[in-house]
Amino acid sequence: MDIFMDWMRKRKTRVVLTALTVFLILGTLGCSAKEEIPEDKINDLDFTVVGEDQQPDSLKDIIAEKYADAFQISYTLGEDLYIAVGYGEQPSGGYSISVNAFYETEDTVVIDTTLIGPGKAENVTKTPTRPYIVVKTRNIADKMIEFK
């Protein structure tokens, strides 16, 4: 009986050690997971979100023509590049737009935005709105704009 009990203790110890090893390995792999970075990304770009009062009049005119529907516009003026993204008509107020990524590759400028709806507890107007965002950055010559 003593031989059997020794065998069971050793087996139990092996099972526990094996389980701990597996958890440590999985924990290490999980902690080393990093944010996915596009392979062709050169660097992040600095930008400023500009309000309507800071936008060139000609850009405001273009946006006014398009903002009833979803749109994506790039507009260059001298040393400045303006990028506008609109999400068309929404059923109420309380919407906002976040810029998730804004970077350049060898051939493109990439902008990734998301429309964020109003929170459930948020008191919003029931009047339809047309949310859009305009970002301003330096003019980057000869690069296509990629909207995500």
N, C-alpha and C. Protein backbone atom coordinates (compact mmCIF):
# COMPACT_ATOMS: atom_id res chain seq x y z
N MET A 1 0.81 -1.18 0.00
CA MET A 1 0.00 0.00 0.00
C MET A 1 0.86 1.26 0.00
N ASP A 2 2.00 1.22 0.71
CA ASP A 2 2.90 2.37 0.75
C ASP A 2 3.47 2.68 -0.64
N ILE A 3 3.75 1.65 -1.40
CA ILE A 3 4.27 1.84 -2.76
C ILE A 3 3.22 2.55 -3.62
N PHE A 4 1.97 2.14 -3.47
CA PHE A 4 0.88 2.76 -4.22
C PHE A 4 0.73 4.23 -3.83
N MET A 5 0.78 4.55 -2.56
CA MET A 5 0.63 5.93 -2.08
C MET A 5 1.79 6.82 -2.58
N ASP A 6 3.01 6.29 -2.57
CA ASP A 6 4.15 7.04 -3.10
C ASP A 6 3.96 7.33 -4.59
N TRP A 7 3.51 6.32 -5.30
CA TRP A 7 3.27 6.48 -6.74
C TRP A 7 2.22 7.56 -6.99
N MET A 8 1.14 7.59 -6.20
CA MET A 8 0.07 8.59 -6.36
C MET A 8 0.58 10.00 -6.04
N ARG A 9 1.40 10.15 -4.98
CA ARG A 9 1.95 11.45 -4.64
C ARG A 9 2.84 11.98 -5.75
N LYS A 10 3.68 11.10 -6.30
CA LYS A 10 4.56 11.52 -7.39
C LYS A 10 3.75 11.92 -8.62
N ARG A 11 2.74 11.16 -8.90
CA ARG A 11 1.88 11.46 -10.06
C ARG A 11 1.16 12.79 -9.86
N LYS A 12 0.64 13.02 -8.66
CA LYS A 12 -0.06 14.27 -8.35
C LYS A 12 0.90 15.46 -8.48
N THR A 13 2.13 15.29 -8.01
CA THR A 13 3.13 16.34 -8.10
C THR A 13 3.44 16.65 -9.57
N ARG A 14 3.56 15.60 -10.39
CA ARG A 14 3.83 15.81 -11.82
C ARG A 14 2.69 16.55 -12.50
N VAL A 15 1.46 16.20 -12.17
CA VAL A 15 0.30 16.85 -12.77
C VAL A 15 0.28 18.33 -12.38
N VAL A 16 0.53 18.62 -11.11
CA VAL A 16 0.53 20.00 -10.65
C VAL A 16 1.65 20.79 -11.32
N LEU A 17 2.85 20.21 -11.38
CA LEU A 17 3.97 20.89 -12.03
C LEU A 17 3.71 21.12 -13.51
N THR A 18 3.13 20.15 -14.18
CA THR A 18 2.80 20.29 -15.60
C THR A 18 1.78 21.41 -15.80
N ALA A 19 0.75 21.44 -14.95
CA ALA A 19 -0.27 22.49 -15.06
C ALA A 19 0.34 23.87 -14.82
N LEU A 20 1.19 23.99 -13.82
CA LEU A 20 1.85 25.27 -13.55
C LEU A 20 2.72 25.71 -14.73
N THR A 21 3.43 24.78 -15.32
CA THR A 21 4.28 25.10 -16.47
C THR A 21 3.44 25.61 -17.64
N VAL A 22 2.33 24.94 -17.90
CA VAL A 22 1.44 25.36 -18.99
C VAL A 22 0.90 26.76 -18.73
N PHE A 23 0.45 27.02 -17.50
CA PHE A 23 -0.07 28.35 -17.18
C PHE A 23 1.00 29.43 -17.30
N LEU A 24 2.22 29.13 -16.88
CA LEU A 24 3.31 30.10 -17.01
C LEU A 24 3.62 30.40 -18.47
N ILE A 25 3.64 29.37 -19.29
CA ILE A 25 3.92 29.57 -20.72
C ILE A 25 2.82 30.40 -21.36
N LEU A 26 1.56 30.04 -21.10
CA LEU A 26 0.44 30.79 -21.67
C LEU A 26 0.42 32.23 -21.15
N GLY A 27 0.73 32.41 -19.88
CA GLY A 27 0.77 33.76 -19.32
C GLY A 27 1.84 34.61 -19.97
N THR A 28 2.99 34.02 -20.21
CA THR A 28 4.09 34.74 -20.86
C THR A 28 3.72 35.12 -22.28
N LEU A 29 3.09 34.21 -23.01
CA LEU A 29 2.68 34.51 -24.38
C LEU A 29 1.63 35.60 -24.40
N GLY A 30 0.68 35.54 -23.48
CA GLY A 30 -0.37 36.55 -23.42
C GLY A 30 0.18 37.93 -23.11
N CYS A 31 1.14 38.01 -22.23
CA CYS A 31 1.71 39.31 -21.85
C CYS A 31 2.57 39.90 -22.95
N SER A 32 3.11 39.06 -23.80
CA SER A 32 3.98 39.58 -24.84
C SER A 32 3.22 39.99 -26.10
N ALA A 33 1.90 39.76 -26.14
CA ALA A 33 1.12 40.17 -27.30
C ALA A 33 1.12 41.69 -27.36
N LYS A 34 1.44 42.24 -28.51
CA LYS A 34 1.52 43.68 -28.68
C LYS A 34 0.44 44.15 -29.63
N GLU A 35 0.20 45.45 -29.61
CA GLU A 35 -0.73 46.05 -30.55
C GLU A 35 -0.22 45.78 -31.96
N GLU A 36 -1.14 45.40 -32.83
CA GLU A 36 -0.74 45.09 -34.20
C GLU A 36 -0.32 46.38 -34.90
N ILE A 37 0.88 46.38 -35.43
CA ILE A 37 1.42 47.53 -36.15
C ILE A 37 1.51 47.17 -37.62
N PRO A 38 0.92 47.98 -38.48
CA PRO A 38 1.03 47.69 -39.91
C PRO A 38 2.50 47.61 -40.32
N GLU A 39 2.80 46.62 -41.15
CA GLU A 39 4.19 46.39 -41.56
C GLU A 39 4.77 47.55 -42.36
N ASP A 40 3.92 48.26 -43.09
CA ASP A 40 4.44 49.32 -43.95
C ASP A 40 4.39 50.71 -43.31
N LYS A 41 4.04 50.79 -42.05
CA LYS A 41 3.95 52.06 -41.35
C LYS A 41 5.34 52.65 -41.15
N ILE A 42 5.49 53.92 -41.55
CA ILE A 42 6.76 54.61 -41.34
C ILE A 42 6.74 55.31 -39.99
N ASN A 43 5.71 56.15 -39.77
CA ASN A 43 5.58 56.82 -38.49
C ASN A 43 4.19 57.42 -38.33
N ASP A 44 3.82 57.69 -37.07
CA ASP A 44 2.57 58.38 -36.78
C ASP A 44 2.69 59.83 -37.21
N LEU A 45 1.58 60.41 -37.58
CA LEU A 45 1.56 61.81 -37.98
C LEU A 45 0.89 62.66 -36.91
N ASP A 46 1.44 63.83 -36.68
CA ASP A 46 0.81 64.80 -35.79
C ASP A 46 -0.35 65.44 -36.53
N PHE A 47 -1.43 65.69 -35.81
CA PHE A 47 -2.58 66.34 -36.42
C PHE A 47 -3.33 67.15 -35.38
N THR A 48 -4.17 68.03 -35.87
CA THR A 48 -5.05 68.83 -35.03
C THR A 48 -6.46 68.69 -35.57
N VAL A 49 -7.42 68.47 -34.70
CA VAL A 49 -8.82 68.49 -35.11
C VAL A 49 -9.22 69.95 -35.17
N VAL A 50 -9.73 70.37 -36.32
CA VAL A 50 -10.09 71.78 -36.49
C VAL A 50 -11.60 71.95 -36.56
N GLY A 51 -12.06 72.96 -35.86
CA GLY A 51 -13.48 73.31 -35.88
C GLY A 51 -13.83 74.07 -37.15
N GLU A 52 -15.10 74.30 -37.32
CA GLU A 52 -15.57 74.96 -38.54
C GLU A 52 -14.97 76.35 -38.70
N ASP A 53 -14.76 77.05 -37.60
CA ASP A 53 -14.21 78.40 -37.68
C ASP A 53 -12.74 78.42 -38.09
N GLN A 54 -12.05 77.27 -38.06
CA GLN A 54 -10.63 77.19 -38.43
C GLN A 54 -10.43 76.57 -39.82
N GLN A 55 -11.51 76.20 -40.47
CA GLN A 55 -11.42 75.57 -41.78
C GLN A 55 -11.42 76.63 -42.88
N PRO A 56 -10.65 76.40 -43.94
CA PRO A 56 -10.70 77.32 -45.09
C PRO A 56 -12.12 77.36 -45.66
N ASP A 57 -12.54 78.54 -46.12
CA ASP A 57 -13.91 78.70 -46.65
C ASP A 57 -14.19 77.73 -47.80
N SER A 58 -13.20 77.53 -48.66
CA SER A 58 -13.43 76.63 -49.80
C SER A 58 -13.65 75.19 -49.33
N LEU A 59 -13.01 74.78 -48.26
CA LEU A 59 -13.24 73.44 -47.71
C LEU A 59 -14.63 73.35 -47.09
N LYS A 60 -15.03 74.40 -46.39
CA LYS A 60 -16.38 74.43 -45.80
C LYS A 60 -17.45 74.29 -46.89
N ASP A 61 -17.22 74.92 -48.03
CA ASP A 61 -18.17 74.84 -49.13
C ASP A 61 -18.27 73.40 -49.65
N ILE A 62 -17.15 72.73 -49.80
CA ILE A 62 -17.14 71.34 -50.27
C ILE A 62 -17.88 70.44 -49.27
N ILE A 63 -17.60 70.62 -47.99
CA ILE A 63 -18.26 69.81 -46.96
C ILE A 63 -19.77 70.07 -46.97
N ALA A 64 -20.17 71.32 -47.12
CA ALA A 64 -21.60 71.65 -47.13
C ALA A 64 -22.33 70.94 -48.27
N GLU A 65 -21.66 70.75 -49.40
CA GLU A 65 -22.26 70.04 -50.53
C GLU A 65 -22.41 68.55 -50.26
N LYS A 66 -21.53 67.97 -49.44
CA LYS A 66 -21.45 66.52 -49.31
C LYS A 66 -21.96 65.97 -47.98
N TYR A 67 -22.11 66.77 -46.94
CA TYR A 67 -22.25 66.21 -45.62
C TYR A 67 -23.58 65.54 -45.30
N ALA A 68 -24.56 65.60 -46.20
CA ALA A 68 -25.81 64.86 -45.98
C ALA A 68 -25.57 63.35 -46.07
N ASP A 69 -24.59 62.96 -46.85
CA ASP A 69 -24.22 61.55 -47.01
C ASP A 69 -22.82 61.35 -46.44
N ALA A 70 -22.42 60.09 -46.28
CA ALA A 70 -21.06 59.80 -45.82
C ALA A 70 -20.07 60.32 -46.86
N PHE A 71 -18.94 60.85 -46.39
CA PHE A 71 -17.94 61.38 -47.31
C PHE A 71 -16.54 61.24 -46.73
N GLN A 72 -15.56 61.32 -47.63
CA GLN A 72 -14.14 61.31 -47.28
C GLN A 72 -13.46 62.29 -48.24
N ILE A 73 -12.85 63.32 -47.67
CA ILE A 73 -12.27 64.39 -48.48
C ILE A 73 -10.84 64.67 -48.01
N SER A 74 -9.97 64.92 -48.97
CA SER A 74 -8.66 65.49 -48.64
C SER A 74 -8.56 66.81 -49.39
N TYR A 75 -7.97 67.78 -48.72
CA TYR A 75 -7.90 69.13 -49.27
C TYR A 75 -6.55 69.73 -48.90
N THR A 76 -5.81 70.18 -49.88
CA THR A 76 -4.49 70.75 -49.65
C THR A 76 -4.54 72.25 -49.86
N LEU A 77 -3.93 72.98 -48.93
CA LEU A 77 -3.84 74.42 -49.03
C LEU A 77 -2.46 74.83 -48.54
N GLY A 78 -1.57 75.15 -49.49
CA GLY A 78 -0.21 75.54 -49.13
C GLY A 78 0.52 74.41 -48.43
N GLU A 79 0.98 74.67 -47.20
CA GLU A 79 1.73 73.67 -46.44
C GLU A 79 0.83 72.78 -45.58
N ASP A 80 -0.50 72.98 -45.68
CA ASP A 80 -1.43 72.24 -44.84
C ASP A 80 -2.24 71.23 -45.65
N LEU A 81 -2.49 70.09 -45.01
CA LEU A 81 -3.35 69.07 -45.57
C LEU A 81 -4.52 68.90 -44.61
N TYR A 82 -5.74 69.03 -45.14
CA TYR A 82 -6.95 68.82 -44.36
C TYR A 82 -7.58 67.52 -44.81
N ILE A 83 -8.00 66.71 -43.88
CA ILE A 83 -8.70 65.47 -44.19
C ILE A 83 -10.01 65.50 -43.44
N ALA A 84 -11.11 65.33 -44.16
CA ALA A 84 -12.44 65.37 -43.56
C ALA A 84 -13.13 64.04 -43.78
N VAL A 85 -13.78 63.56 -42.74
CA VAL A 85 -14.54 62.31 -42.80
C VAL A 85 -15.90 62.58 -42.18
N GLY A 86 -16.94 62.28 -42.95
CA GLY A 86 -18.31 62.46 -42.47
C GLY A 86 -19.07 61.15 -42.52
N TYR A 87 -20.01 60.99 -41.62
CA TYR A 87 -20.76 59.73 -41.52
C TYR A 87 -22.21 59.86 -41.94
N GLY A 88 -22.55 60.96 -42.61
CA GLY A 88 -23.91 61.11 -43.11
C GLY A 88 -24.89 61.40 -41.98
N GLU A 89 -26.16 61.39 -42.34
CA GLU A 89 -27.20 61.74 -41.37
C GLU A 89 -27.39 60.64 -40.33
N GLN A 90 -27.41 61.06 -39.06
CA GLN A 90 -27.66 60.17 -37.93
C GLN A 90 -28.98 60.59 -37.28
N PRO A 91 -29.67 59.67 -36.61
CA PRO A 91 -31.03 59.95 -36.13
C PRO A 91 -31.14 60.94 -34.96
N SER A 92 -30.00 61.24 -34.30
CA SER A 92 -30.07 62.12 -33.13
C SER A 92 -28.73 62.81 -32.93
N GLY A 93 -28.65 63.62 -31.89
CA GLY A 93 -27.39 64.22 -31.48
C GLY A 93 -26.60 63.23 -30.63
N GLY A 94 -25.47 63.67 -30.12
CA GLY A 94 -24.68 62.85 -29.21
C GLY A 94 -23.63 61.99 -29.87
N TYR A 95 -23.46 62.10 -31.17
CA TYR A 95 -22.45 61.30 -31.88
C TYR A 95 -21.11 62.02 -31.85
N SER A 96 -20.05 61.23 -31.83
CA SER A 96 -18.70 61.78 -31.93
C SER A 96 -17.88 60.88 -32.84
N ILE A 97 -16.72 61.35 -33.21
CA ILE A 97 -15.84 60.59 -34.11
C ILE A 97 -14.47 60.53 -33.47
N SER A 98 -13.91 59.32 -33.42
CA SER A 98 -12.56 59.18 -32.88
C SER A 98 -11.59 58.85 -34.01
N VAL A 99 -10.37 59.36 -33.88
CA VAL A 99 -9.31 59.03 -34.82
C VAL A 99 -8.50 57.91 -34.17
N ASN A 100 -8.64 56.70 -34.69
CA ASN A 100 -7.98 55.53 -34.12
C ASN A 100 -6.51 55.45 -34.53
N ALA A 101 -6.21 55.86 -35.75
CA ALA A 101 -4.83 55.81 -36.25
C ALA A 101 -4.67 56.87 -37.34
N PHE A 102 -3.49 57.46 -37.37
CA PHE A 102 -3.17 58.45 -38.40
C PHE A 102 -1.66 58.36 -38.60
N TYR A 103 -1.27 57.76 -39.72
CA TYR A 103 0.15 57.52 -39.95
C TYR A 103 0.44 57.52 -41.45
N GLU A 104 1.75 57.51 -41.75
CA GLU A 104 2.14 57.46 -43.16
C GLU A 104 2.90 56.18 -43.46
N THR A 105 2.74 55.74 -44.69
CA THR A 105 3.53 54.64 -45.24
C THR A 105 4.40 55.25 -46.33
N GLU A 106 5.07 54.42 -47.05
CA GLU A 106 5.93 54.94 -48.12
C GLU A 106 5.12 55.69 -49.18
N ASP A 107 3.90 55.18 -49.47
CA ASP A 107 3.10 55.75 -50.55
C ASP A 107 1.81 56.44 -50.12
N THR A 108 1.39 56.25 -48.85
CA THR A 108 0.08 56.73 -48.44
C THR A 108 0.09 57.41 -47.07
N VAL A 109 -0.97 58.16 -46.84
CA VAL A 109 -1.32 58.65 -45.52
C VAL A 109 -2.57 57.88 -45.13
N VAL A 110 -2.54 57.23 -43.98
CA VAL A 110 -3.65 56.38 -43.55
C VAL A 110 -4.37 57.05 -42.38
N ILE A 111 -5.69 57.16 -42.51
CA ILE A 111 -6.52 57.66 -41.41
C ILE A 111 -7.61 56.64 -41.13
N ASP A 112 -7.73 56.29 -39.87
CA ASP A 112 -8.72 55.31 -39.42
C ASP A 112 -9.61 55.99 -38.39
N THR A 113 -10.90 56.12 -38.69
CA THR A 113 -11.83 56.78 -37.78
C THR A 113 -12.99 55.86 -37.45
N THR A 114 -13.66 56.19 -36.35
CA THR A 114 -14.83 55.44 -35.92
C THR A 114 -15.91 56.41 -35.46
N LEU A 115 -17.14 56.13 -35.86
CA LEU A 115 -18.29 56.90 -35.37
C LEU A 115 -18.73 56.28 -34.06
N ILE A 116 -18.85 57.11 -33.03
CA ILE A 116 -19.26 56.65 -31.71
C ILE A 116 -20.65 57.21 -31.43
N GLY A 117 -21.58 56.32 -31.14
CA GLY A 117 -22.96 56.73 -30.87
C GLY A 117 -23.13 57.26 -29.47
N PRO A 118 -24.26 57.90 -29.21
CA PRO A 118 -24.51 58.44 -27.87
C PRO A 118 -24.69 57.32 -26.86
N GLY A 119 -24.30 57.58 -25.63
CA GLY A 119 -24.48 56.62 -24.56
C GLY A 119 -25.96 56.53 -24.17
N LYS A 120 -26.34 55.41 -23.56
CA LYS A 120 -27.75 55.23 -23.19
C LYS A 120 -28.23 56.25 -22.17
N ALA A 121 -27.36 56.64 -21.25
CA ALA A 121 -27.73 57.59 -20.22
C ALA A 121 -27.62 59.04 -20.69
N GLU A 122 -27.10 59.22 -21.88
CA GLU A 122 -26.87 60.57 -22.40
C GLU A 122 -28.19 61.19 -22.87
N ASN A 123 -28.43 62.41 -22.48
CA ASN A 123 -29.62 63.14 -22.90
C ASN A 123 -29.30 63.84 -24.22
N VAL A 124 -29.87 63.35 -25.32
CA VAL A 124 -29.54 63.89 -26.64
C VAL A 124 -30.79 64.42 -27.33
N THR A 125 -30.54 65.32 -28.27
CA THR A 125 -31.62 65.86 -29.08
C THR A 125 -32.09 64.78 -30.06
N LYS A 126 -33.37 64.77 -30.35
CA LYS A 126 -33.92 63.80 -31.31
C LYS A 126 -33.85 64.33 -32.74
N THR A 127 -33.26 65.49 -32.92
CA THR A 127 -33.09 66.08 -34.24
C THR A 127 -31.95 65.38 -34.96
N PRO A 128 -32.14 64.98 -36.21
CA PRO A 128 -31.04 64.34 -36.95
C PRO A 128 -29.81 65.25 -37.03
N THR A 129 -28.64 64.63 -36.99
CA THR A 129 -27.38 65.37 -37.10
C THR A 129 -26.52 64.73 -38.19
N ARG A 130 -25.49 65.44 -38.57
CA ARG A 130 -24.57 64.95 -39.62
C ARG A 130 -23.14 65.11 -39.11
N PRO A 131 -22.69 64.17 -38.29
CA PRO A 131 -21.35 64.32 -37.69
C PRO A 131 -20.23 64.15 -38.71
N TYR A 132 -19.22 64.98 -38.57
CA TYR A 132 -18.01 64.87 -39.39
C TYR A 132 -16.84 65.41 -38.59
N ILE A 133 -15.65 65.06 -39.03
CA ILE A 133 -14.43 65.53 -38.38
C ILE A 133 -13.48 66.03 -39.46
N VAL A 134 -12.73 67.08 -39.12
CA VAL A 134 -11.70 67.60 -40.02
C VAL A 134 -10.40 67.63 -39.23
N VAL A 135 -9.37 66.98 -39.78
CA VAL A 135 -8.06 67.02 -39.15
C VAL A 135 -7.11 67.78 -40.09
N LYS A 136 -6.17 68.46 -39.45
CA LYS A 136 -5.18 69.25 -40.20
C LYS A 136 -3.80 68.72 -39.85
N THR A 137 -2.99 68.54 -40.87
CA THR A 137 -1.61 68.09 -40.69
C THR A 137 -0.75 68.80 -41.72
N ARG A 138 0.52 68.47 -41.74
CA ARG A 138 1.41 69.08 -42.74
C ARG A 138 1.12 68.44 -44.10
N ASN A 139 1.33 69.22 -45.15
CA ASN A 139 1.13 68.73 -46.51
C ASN A 139 2.23 67.72 -46.84
N ILE A 140 1.81 66.52 -47.13
CA ILE A 140 2.75 65.46 -47.49
C ILE A 140 2.59 65.22 -48.98
N ALA A 141 3.54 65.68 -49.74
CA ALA A 141 3.44 65.67 -51.21
C ALA A 141 3.39 64.25 -51.76
N ASP A 142 2.61 64.09 -52.81
CA ASP A 142 2.58 62.87 -53.62
C ASP A 142 2.20 61.60 -52.87
N LYS A 143 1.37 61.71 -51.85
CA LYS A 143 0.91 60.50 -51.15
C LYS A 143 -0.61 60.43 -51.23
N MET A 144 -1.09 59.24 -51.55
CA MET A 144 -2.52 58.99 -51.59
C MET A 144 -3.05 58.94 -50.16
N ILE A 145 -4.33 59.25 -49.98
CA ILE A 145 -4.97 59.15 -48.67
C ILE A 145 -5.74 57.83 -48.64
N GLU A 146 -5.49 57.05 -47.62
CA GLU A 146 -6.21 55.78 -47.44
C GLU A 146 -7.12 55.92 -46.21
N PHE A 147 -8.41 55.79 -46.44
CA PHE A 147 -9.40 55.91 -45.38
C PHE A 147 -9.77 54.51 -44.90
N LYS A 148 -9.76 54.33 -43.59
CA LYS A 148 -10.16 53.03 -43.02
C LYS A 148 -11.32 53.22 -42.09
